[in-house]
């Protein structure tokens, strides 16, 4: 399964809702990720540029993106960003593959 890091921020309307009716946002997030066929591996509330960060695994990024569209369209979050992440073992394998590919590359000039 591919892994992705998703970050974003809550809107003022969402924060007002959380004050009025506190809820477990990790549980709610896990439900929509599961509905898209993925798995929420970790979820953290953060300070700084974003309000949350999560790591998601999925075999179908299209369905995961659909879940992010639904979430964004709700008006509860903004600034959603998704990047693929790799384990150290995956990156080591990529380095080894790069060595084999480099021999076949000819730089311009």
N, C-alpha and C. Protein backbone atom coordinates (compact mmCIF):
# COMPACT_ATOMS: atom_id res chain seq x y z
N UNK A 1 0.84 -1.19 0.00
CA UNK A 1 0.00 0.00 0.00
C UNK A 1 0.88 1.25 0.00
N UNK A 2 0.47 2.24 -0.74
CA UNK A 2 1.19 3.51 -0.75
C UNK A 2 0.81 4.32 0.48
N UNK A 3 1.78 5.10 0.97
CA UNK A 3 1.54 5.95 2.14
C UNK A 3 1.53 7.42 1.73
N UNK A 4 0.66 8.16 2.38
CA UNK A 4 0.54 9.59 2.12
C UNK A 4 0.47 10.36 3.42
N UNK A 5 1.04 11.55 3.41
CA UNK A 5 0.91 12.49 4.52
C UNK A 5 -0.10 13.55 4.06
N UNK A 6 -1.11 13.79 4.87
CA UNK A 6 -2.13 14.80 4.56
C UNK A 6 -2.12 15.83 5.68
N UNK A 7 -2.06 17.10 5.31
CA UNK A 7 -2.12 18.18 6.28
C UNK A 7 -3.25 19.12 5.90
N UNK A 8 -3.70 19.89 6.86
CA UNK A 8 -4.74 20.87 6.60
C UNK A 8 -5.06 21.66 7.84
N UNK A 9 -6.00 22.57 7.69
CA UNK A 9 -6.42 23.42 8.79
C UNK A 9 -7.93 23.44 8.90
N UNK A 10 -8.41 23.63 10.13
CA UNK A 10 -9.85 23.76 10.35
C UNK A 10 -10.28 25.19 10.07
N UNK A 11 -11.47 25.36 9.52
CA UNK A 11 -12.02 26.68 9.28
C UNK A 11 -12.59 27.24 10.58
N UNK A 12 -12.86 28.52 10.59
CA UNK A 12 -13.47 29.15 11.77
C UNK A 12 -14.81 28.49 12.09
N UNK A 13 -15.60 28.18 11.05
CA UNK A 13 -16.90 27.54 11.27
C UNK A 13 -16.72 26.17 11.95
N UNK A 14 -15.72 25.42 11.53
CA UNK A 14 -15.46 24.11 12.14
C UNK A 14 -15.05 24.28 13.60
N UNK A 15 -14.22 25.26 13.87
CA UNK A 15 -13.78 25.49 15.25
C UNK A 15 -14.95 25.89 16.15
N UNK A 16 -15.85 26.71 15.62
CA UNK A 16 -17.05 27.06 16.38
C UNK A 16 -17.87 25.81 16.69
N UNK A 17 -17.98 24.92 15.72
CA UNK A 17 -18.69 23.67 15.92
C UNK A 17 -18.02 22.79 16.97
N UNK A 18 -16.69 22.78 16.99
CA UNK A 18 -15.96 21.98 17.98
C UNK A 18 -16.13 22.53 19.39
N UNK A 19 -16.26 23.85 19.49
CA UNK A 19 -16.50 24.45 20.81
C UNK A 19 -17.91 24.11 21.28
N UNK A 20 -18.87 24.23 20.37
CA UNK A 20 -20.26 23.96 20.72
C UNK A 20 -20.52 22.49 21.02
N UNK A 21 -19.85 21.62 20.26
CA UNK A 21 -20.07 20.18 20.42
C UNK A 21 -18.74 19.45 20.18
N UNK A 22 -17.90 19.34 21.22
CA UNK A 22 -16.61 18.67 21.06
C UNK A 22 -16.79 17.24 20.50
N UNK A 23 -15.87 16.86 19.63
CA UNK A 23 -15.94 15.53 19.03
C UNK A 23 -14.54 15.01 18.77
N UNK A 24 -14.44 13.71 18.65
CA UNK A 24 -13.16 13.05 18.37
C UNK A 24 -12.88 13.15 16.87
N UNK A 25 -12.05 14.09 16.47
CA UNK A 25 -11.78 14.31 15.05
C UNK A 25 -10.98 13.16 14.44
N UNK A 26 -10.19 12.46 15.24
CA UNK A 26 -9.47 11.30 14.71
C UNK A 26 -10.46 10.21 14.31
N UNK A 27 -11.45 9.98 15.14
CA UNK A 27 -12.47 8.96 14.84
C UNK A 27 -13.23 9.33 13.56
N UNK A 28 -13.61 10.60 13.44
CA UNK A 28 -14.34 11.05 12.26
C UNK A 28 -13.47 10.94 11.01
N UNK A 29 -12.20 11.26 11.14
CA UNK A 29 -11.27 11.19 10.02
C UNK A 29 -11.05 9.74 9.60
N UNK A 30 -10.90 8.85 10.59
CA UNK A 30 -10.70 7.43 10.29
C UNK A 30 -11.88 6.86 9.52
N UNK A 31 -13.08 7.32 9.85
CA UNK A 31 -14.29 6.82 9.18
C UNK A 31 -14.30 7.18 7.69
N UNK A 32 -13.95 8.41 7.35
CA UNK A 32 -13.98 8.79 5.93
C UNK A 32 -12.83 8.16 5.17
N UNK A 33 -11.68 8.00 5.82
CA UNK A 33 -10.56 7.32 5.18
C UNK A 33 -10.94 5.86 4.91
N UNK A 34 -11.56 5.21 5.87
CA UNK A 34 -12.00 3.83 5.70
C UNK A 34 -13.03 3.72 4.59
N UNK A 35 -13.96 4.67 4.52
CA UNK A 35 -14.99 4.67 3.47
C UNK A 35 -14.37 4.77 2.08
N UNK A 36 -13.17 5.36 2.00
CA UNK A 36 -12.50 5.49 0.71
C UNK A 36 -11.59 4.29 0.42
N UNK A 37 -11.58 3.32 1.31
CA UNK A 37 -10.77 2.13 1.11
C UNK A 37 -9.37 2.22 1.69
N UNK A 38 -9.09 3.29 2.41
CA UNK A 38 -7.76 3.46 3.00
C UNK A 38 -7.76 3.17 4.48
N UNK A 39 -6.62 3.40 5.10
CA UNK A 39 -6.47 3.21 6.53
C UNK A 39 -5.75 4.40 7.12
N UNK A 40 -6.32 4.96 8.17
CA UNK A 40 -5.68 6.05 8.90
C UNK A 40 -4.66 5.44 9.83
N UNK A 41 -3.38 5.65 9.55
CA UNK A 41 -2.30 5.06 10.35
C UNK A 41 -1.97 5.90 11.57
N UNK A 42 -2.02 7.22 11.42
CA UNK A 42 -1.77 8.12 12.55
C UNK A 42 -2.43 9.46 12.28
N UNK A 43 -2.79 10.14 13.37
CA UNK A 43 -3.48 11.42 13.28
C UNK A 43 -3.02 12.29 14.44
N UNK A 44 -2.57 13.48 14.14
CA UNK A 44 -2.10 14.39 15.18
C UNK A 44 -2.66 15.79 14.94
N UNK A 45 -3.01 16.46 16.03
CA UNK A 45 -3.35 17.87 15.98
C UNK A 45 -2.04 18.61 16.19
N UNK A 46 -1.83 19.68 15.45
CA UNK A 46 -0.54 20.34 15.45
C UNK A 46 -0.67 21.85 15.67
N UNK A 47 0.45 22.47 15.93
CA UNK A 47 0.52 23.93 15.99
C UNK A 47 1.40 24.36 14.82
N UNK A 48 1.26 25.59 14.43
CA UNK A 48 2.09 26.07 13.32
C UNK A 48 1.25 26.33 12.09
N UNK A 49 1.77 25.95 10.94
CA UNK A 49 1.11 26.26 9.66
C UNK A 49 -0.18 25.49 9.46
N UNK A 50 -0.30 24.30 10.04
CA UNK A 50 -1.51 23.49 9.86
C UNK A 50 -2.06 23.07 11.21
N UNK A 51 -3.31 22.63 11.21
CA UNK A 51 -3.96 22.20 12.44
C UNK A 51 -3.88 20.69 12.66
N UNK A 52 -3.67 19.95 11.58
CA UNK A 52 -3.58 18.50 11.71
C UNK A 52 -2.64 17.92 10.66
N UNK A 53 -2.13 16.73 11.00
CA UNK A 53 -1.30 15.95 10.08
C UNK A 53 -1.68 14.49 10.27
N UNK A 54 -1.79 13.79 9.17
CA UNK A 54 -2.13 12.37 9.28
C UNK A 54 -1.35 11.57 8.24
N UNK A 55 -1.15 10.30 8.58
CA UNK A 55 -0.53 9.38 7.63
C UNK A 55 -1.59 8.36 7.26
N UNK A 56 -1.78 8.21 5.96
CA UNK A 56 -2.82 7.34 5.42
C UNK A 56 -2.17 6.33 4.49
N UNK A 57 -2.65 5.10 4.50
CA UNK A 57 -2.22 4.12 3.51
C UNK A 57 -3.43 3.76 2.65
N UNK A 58 -3.18 3.56 1.37
CA UNK A 58 -4.25 3.21 0.44
C UNK A 58 -3.68 2.56 -0.80
N UNK A 59 -4.48 1.70 -1.40
CA UNK A 59 -4.12 1.12 -2.70
C UNK A 59 -4.75 1.91 -3.85
N UNK A 60 -5.64 2.84 -3.51
CA UNK A 60 -6.37 3.57 -4.54
C UNK A 60 -6.38 5.06 -4.22
N UNK A 61 -5.40 5.78 -4.74
CA UNK A 61 -5.28 7.21 -4.46
C UNK A 61 -6.48 7.98 -5.00
N UNK A 62 -7.11 7.49 -6.06
CA UNK A 62 -8.27 8.19 -6.61
C UNK A 62 -9.40 8.25 -5.59
N UNK A 63 -9.66 7.14 -4.90
CA UNK A 63 -10.70 7.14 -3.87
C UNK A 63 -10.29 8.00 -2.68
N UNK A 64 -9.00 8.00 -2.35
CA UNK A 64 -8.53 8.84 -1.26
C UNK A 64 -8.70 10.31 -1.61
N UNK A 65 -8.38 10.66 -2.84
CA UNK A 65 -8.58 12.05 -3.28
C UNK A 65 -10.06 12.41 -3.25
N UNK A 66 -10.93 11.46 -3.60
CA UNK A 66 -12.38 11.72 -3.53
C UNK A 66 -12.79 12.04 -2.10
N UNK A 67 -12.23 11.32 -1.13
CA UNK A 67 -12.54 11.60 0.28
C UNK A 67 -12.05 12.99 0.68
N UNK A 68 -10.89 13.39 0.17
CA UNK A 68 -10.39 14.73 0.46
C UNK A 68 -11.26 15.80 -0.18
N UNK A 69 -11.79 15.53 -1.37
CA UNK A 69 -12.70 16.47 -2.02
C UNK A 69 -13.96 16.63 -1.18
N UNK A 70 -14.50 15.52 -0.69
CA UNK A 70 -15.70 15.58 0.16
C UNK A 70 -15.42 16.40 1.41
N UNK A 71 -14.27 16.16 2.03
CA UNK A 71 -13.91 16.88 3.24
C UNK A 71 -13.74 18.36 2.97
N UNK A 72 -13.04 18.69 1.90
CA UNK A 72 -12.85 20.09 1.54
C UNK A 72 -14.15 20.79 1.21
N UNK A 73 -15.04 20.08 0.51
CA UNK A 73 -16.33 20.66 0.13
C UNK A 73 -17.24 20.90 1.33
N UNK A 74 -16.96 20.23 2.44
CA UNK A 74 -17.79 20.41 3.63
C UNK A 74 -17.64 21.80 4.24
N UNK A 75 -16.55 22.46 3.90
CA UNK A 75 -16.29 23.78 4.48
C UNK A 75 -15.64 23.71 5.85
N UNK A 76 -15.35 22.51 6.34
CA UNK A 76 -14.77 22.35 7.67
C UNK A 76 -13.26 22.47 7.68
N UNK A 77 -12.63 22.21 6.53
CA UNK A 77 -11.17 22.28 6.47
C UNK A 77 -10.73 23.10 5.26
N UNK A 78 -9.51 23.58 5.34
CA UNK A 78 -8.94 24.32 4.21
C UNK A 78 -7.47 23.98 4.11
N UNK A 79 -6.89 24.33 2.98
CA UNK A 79 -5.46 24.14 2.79
C UNK A 79 -5.00 22.70 2.82
N UNK A 80 -5.84 21.78 2.34
CA UNK A 80 -5.45 20.38 2.33
C UNK A 80 -4.26 20.17 1.40
N UNK A 81 -3.27 19.44 1.88
CA UNK A 81 -2.09 19.11 1.08
C UNK A 81 -1.81 17.63 1.28
N UNK A 82 -1.49 16.95 0.19
CA UNK A 82 -1.21 15.52 0.23
C UNK A 82 0.11 15.25 -0.48
N UNK A 83 0.99 14.53 0.20
CA UNK A 83 2.25 14.12 -0.41
C UNK A 83 2.47 12.64 -0.15
N UNK A 84 3.05 11.95 -1.11
CA UNK A 84 3.37 10.54 -0.91
C UNK A 84 4.64 10.45 -0.07
N UNK A 85 4.67 9.48 0.82
CA UNK A 85 5.87 9.29 1.64
C UNK A 85 6.36 7.86 1.48
N UNK A 86 7.62 7.66 1.82
CA UNK A 86 8.28 6.38 1.60
C UNK A 86 9.03 5.96 2.84
N UNK A 87 9.10 4.66 3.07
CA UNK A 87 9.91 4.15 4.18
C UNK A 87 11.38 4.25 3.80
N UNK A 88 12.23 4.09 4.78
CA UNK A 88 13.67 4.09 4.52
C UNK A 88 14.05 2.93 3.59
N UNK A 89 13.41 1.79 3.77
CA UNK A 89 13.70 0.63 2.90
C UNK A 89 13.29 0.92 1.46
N UNK A 90 12.16 1.57 1.27
CA UNK A 90 11.73 1.92 -0.10
C UNK A 90 12.70 2.90 -0.73
N UNK A 91 13.17 3.87 0.06
CA UNK A 91 14.11 4.86 -0.47
C UNK A 91 15.45 4.22 -0.79
N UNK A 92 15.89 3.29 0.03
CA UNK A 92 17.14 2.56 -0.25
C UNK A 92 17.01 1.79 -1.55
N UNK A 93 15.87 1.13 -1.76
CA UNK A 93 15.64 0.40 -3.01
C UNK A 93 15.67 1.36 -4.21
N UNK A 94 15.11 2.55 -4.04
CA UNK A 94 15.11 3.54 -5.12
C UNK A 94 16.53 4.00 -5.44
N UNK A 95 17.36 4.15 -4.41
CA UNK A 95 18.75 4.54 -4.64
C UNK A 95 19.48 3.47 -5.44
N UNK A 96 19.25 2.21 -5.10
CA UNK A 96 19.88 1.11 -5.82
C UNK A 96 19.41 1.07 -7.27
N UNK A 97 18.11 1.28 -7.48
CA UNK A 97 17.57 1.31 -8.84
C UNK A 97 18.15 2.49 -9.62
N UNK A 98 18.35 3.61 -8.94
CA UNK A 98 18.92 4.79 -9.60
C UNK A 98 20.32 4.49 -10.12
N UNK A 99 21.07 3.72 -9.37
CA UNK A 99 22.43 3.36 -9.81
C UNK A 99 22.40 2.61 -11.11
N UNK A 100 21.44 1.69 -11.26
CA UNK A 100 21.33 0.91 -12.49
C UNK A 100 20.85 1.78 -13.65
N UNK A 101 19.95 2.71 -13.37
CA UNK A 101 19.41 3.58 -14.41
C UNK A 101 20.42 4.62 -14.84
N UNK A 102 21.25 5.11 -13.90
CA UNK A 102 22.21 6.17 -14.19
C UNK A 102 23.17 5.78 -15.32
N UNK A 103 23.52 4.51 -15.39
CA UNK A 103 24.45 4.05 -16.44
C UNK A 103 23.86 4.20 -17.84
N UNK A 104 22.55 4.30 -17.92
CA UNK A 104 21.89 4.40 -19.22
C UNK A 104 21.50 5.83 -19.59
N UNK A 105 21.80 6.77 -18.69
CA UNK A 105 21.40 8.17 -18.91
C UNK A 105 22.53 8.94 -19.56
N UNK A 106 22.18 9.75 -20.54
CA UNK A 106 23.15 10.64 -21.16
C UNK A 106 22.68 12.09 -20.94
N UNK A 107 23.46 12.84 -20.23
CA UNK A 107 23.11 14.24 -19.95
C UNK A 107 23.19 15.06 -21.23
N UNK A 108 22.39 16.13 -21.32
CA UNK A 108 22.45 16.98 -22.51
C UNK A 108 23.85 17.59 -22.67
N UNK A 109 24.22 17.78 -23.92
CA UNK A 109 25.47 18.46 -24.20
C UNK A 109 26.54 17.52 -24.41
